Amino acid sequence: MTKSETPNALSNMPAESKVIPTKHQQIVDLLSREGGATLEAMSTKVGWLPHSTRAFMTGLKKKGYVIDSNKVEDVRRYRIITTPKA
């Protein structure tokens, strides 16, 4: 069997299942949850260092997202309050 004939695991899946969320979308999804997300949870989810995750959130703010942060018991949680208008 040649490389081009090797079955692809994704080729047998329905089209809806093939969509893999981007790192951007994964973080936005975490921030959109009711309880928000910690920096550690976001960094772990996408495999970024904490400073890269904070920089990404700064970029979201520049794009029009309003991000709130609260510190409860020495753990800071971030969440999206409003998203930019399209």
C-alpha atoms as a PDB file:
ATOM      1  CA  MET A   1       0.000   0.000   0.000  1.00  0.00           C
ATOM      2  CA  THR A   2       1.425   3.398  -0.945  1.00  0.00           C
ATOM      3  CA  LYS A   3       1.299   6.469   1.199  1.00  0.00           C
ATOM      4  CA  SER A   4      -1.533   7.917  -0.889  1.00  0.00           C
ATOM      5  CA  GLU A   5      -3.555   4.724  -0.391  1.00  0.00           C
ATOM      6  CA  THR A   6      -3.151   4.744   3.395  1.00  0.00           C
ATOM      7  CA  PRO A   7      -6.584   5.175   4.926  1.00  0.00           C
ATOM      8  CA  ASN A   8      -7.047   8.433   6.764  1.00  0.00           C
ATOM      9  CA  ALA A   9      -8.897   8.147  10.080  1.00  0.00           C
ATOM     10  CA  LEU A  10     -10.683  11.452   9.423  1.00  0.00           C
ATOM     11  CA  SER A  11     -11.888  10.403   5.951  1.00  0.00           C
ATOM     12  CA  ASN A  12     -14.389   7.947   7.454  1.00  0.00           C
ATOM     13  CA  MET A  13     -15.900  10.534   9.794  1.00  0.00           C
ATOM     14  CA  PRO A  14     -18.886  12.740   8.941  1.00  0.00           C
ATOM     15  CA  ALA A  15     -17.976  16.266   7.796  1.00  0.00           C
ATOM     16  CA  GLU A  16     -19.252  17.841  11.042  1.00  0.00           C
ATOM     17  CA  SER A  17     -16.903  15.686  13.111  1.00  0.00           C
ATOM     18  CA  LYS A  18     -13.819  16.686  11.088  1.00  0.00           C
ATOM     19  CA  VAL A  19     -13.883  20.267  12.345  1.00  0.00           C
ATOM     20  CA  ILE A  20     -11.177  20.642  14.962  1.00  0.00           C
ATOM     21  CA  PRO A  21     -11.469  23.855  16.972  1.00  0.00           C
ATOM     22  CA  THR A  22      -8.523  26.194  16.668  1.00  0.00           C
ATOM     23  CA  LYS A  23      -6.535  27.235  19.719  1.00  0.00           C
ATOM     24  CA  HIS A  24      -8.195  30.641  19.406  1.00  0.00           C
ATOM     25  CA  GLN A  25     -11.642  29.051  19.528  1.00  0.00           C
ATOM     26  CA  GLN A  26     -10.689  26.747  22.410  1.00  0.00           C
ATOM     27  CA  ILE A  27      -9.650  29.696  24.572  1.00  0.00           C
ATOM     28  CA  VAL A  28     -12.708  31.745  23.616  1.00  0.00           C
ATOM     29  CA  ASP A  29     -14.885  28.746  24.523  1.00  0.00           C
ATOM     30  CA  LEU A  30     -13.193  28.433  27.919  1.00  0.00           C
ATOM     31  CA  LEU A  31     -13.582  32.149  28.585  1.00  0.00           C
ATOM     32  CA  SER A  32     -17.227  32.050  27.518  1.00  0.00           C
ATOM     33  CA  ARG A  33     -18.208  29.518  30.171  1.00  0.00           C
ATOM     34  CA  GLU A  34     -20.238  30.867  33.062  1.00  0.00           C
ATOM     35  CA  GLY A  35     -17.373  30.434  35.532  1.00  0.00           C
ATOM     36  CA  GLY A  36     -14.716  31.520  33.051  1.00  0.00           C
ATOM     37  CA  ALA A  37     -11.289  29.902  33.155  1.00  0.00           C
ATOM     38  CA  THR A  38      -7.994  30.168  34.970  1.00  0.00           C
ATOM     39  CA  LEU A  39      -4.769  31.063  33.216  1.00  0.00           C
ATOM     40  CA  GLU A  40      -3.484  27.586  34.010  1.00  0.00           C
ATOM     41  CA  ALA A  41      -6.534  25.893  32.444  1.00  0.00           C
ATOM     42  CA  MET A  42      -6.214  27.925  29.250  1.00  0.00           C
ATOM     43  CA  SER A  43      -2.443  27.412  28.986  1.00  0.00           C
ATOM     44  CA  THR A  44      -2.769  23.675  29.542  1.00  0.00           C
ATOM     45  CA  LYS A  45      -5.631  23.320  27.066  1.00  0.00           C
ATOM     46  CA  VAL A  46      -3.731  24.831  24.128  1.00  0.00           C
ATOM     47  CA  GLY A  47      -0.165  24.044  25.179  1.00  0.00           C
ATOM     48  CA  TRP A  48       1.017  27.637  25.554  1.00  0.00           C
ATOM     49  CA  LEU A  49       3.122  29.227  28.257  1.00  0.00           C
ATOM     50  CA  PRO A  50       1.232  31.558  30.615  1.00  0.00           C
ATOM     51  CA  HIS A  51       2.792  34.725  29.139  1.00  0.00           C
ATOM     52  CA  SER A  52       1.641  33.693  25.653  1.00  0.00           C
ATOM     53  CA  THR A  53      -1.881  33.085  26.938  1.00  0.00           C
ATOM     54  CA  ARG A  54      -1.978  36.520  28.599  1.00  0.00           C
ATOM     55  CA  ALA A  55      -0.731  38.102  25.369  1.00  0.00           C
ATOM     56  CA  PHE A  56      -3.486  36.317  23.456  1.00  0.00           C
ATOM     57  CA  MET A  57      -6.094  37.740  25.865  1.00  0.00           C
ATOM     58  CA  THR A  58      -4.636  41.208  25.250  1.00  0.00           C
ATOM     59  CA  GLY A  59      -5.173  40.607  21.546  1.00  0.00           C
ATOM     60  CA  LEU A  60      -8.779  39.616  22.217  1.00  0.00           C
ATOM     61  CA  LYS A  61      -9.305  42.895  24.085  1.00  0.00           C
ATOM     62  CA  LYS A  62      -7.902  44.815  21.112  1.00  0.00           C
ATOM     63  CA  LYS A  63     -10.395  43.006  18.875  1.00  0.00           C
ATOM     64  CA  GLY A  64     -13.296  44.228  21.024  1.00  0.00           C
ATOM     65  CA  TYR A  65     -13.832  41.441  23.552  1.00  0.00           C
ATOM     66  CA  VAL A  66     -14.509  42.622  27.093  1.00  0.00           C
ATOM     67  CA  ILE A  67     -12.744  40.299  29.525  1.00  0.00           C
ATOM     68  CA  ASP A  68     -13.410  40.405  33.257  1.00  0.00           C
ATOM     69  CA  SER A  69     -11.143  38.925  35.896  1.00  0.00           C
ATOM     70  CA  ASN A  70     -11.916  38.035  39.494  1.00  0.00           C
ATOM     71  CA  LYS A  71      -9.639  36.681  42.156  1.00  0.00           C
ATOM     72  CA  VAL A  72     -11.242  34.208  44.541  1.00  0.00           C
ATOM     73  CA  GLU A  73      -9.104  32.472  47.160  1.00  0.00           C
ATOM     74  CA  ASP A  74      -5.867  33.480  45.401  1.00  0.00           C
ATOM     75  CA  VAL A  75      -7.016  32.026  42.065  1.00  0.00           C
ATOM     76  CA  ARG A  76      -7.700  34.485  39.241  1.00  0.00           C
ATOM     77  CA  ARG A  77     -10.443  33.563  36.775  1.00  0.00           C
ATOM     78  CA  TYR A  78     -11.064  35.297  33.462  1.00  0.00           C
ATOM     79  CA  ARG A  79     -14.291  35.379  31.476  1.00  0.00           C
ATOM     80  CA  ILE A  80     -15.691  37.106  28.438  1.00  0.00           C
ATOM     81  CA  ILE A  81     -18.384  39.651  29.277  1.00  0.00           C
ATOM     82  CA  THR A  82     -19.138  40.811  25.737  1.00  0.00           C
ATOM     83  CA  THR A  83     -17.935  39.843  22.281  1.00  0.00           C
ATOM     84  CA  PRO A  84     -17.207  42.261  19.419  1.00  0.00           C
ATOM     85  CA  LYS A  85     -20.019  43.165  17.073  1.00  0.00           C
ATOM     86  CA  ALA A  86     -19.566  41.682  13.631  1.00  0.00           C
END
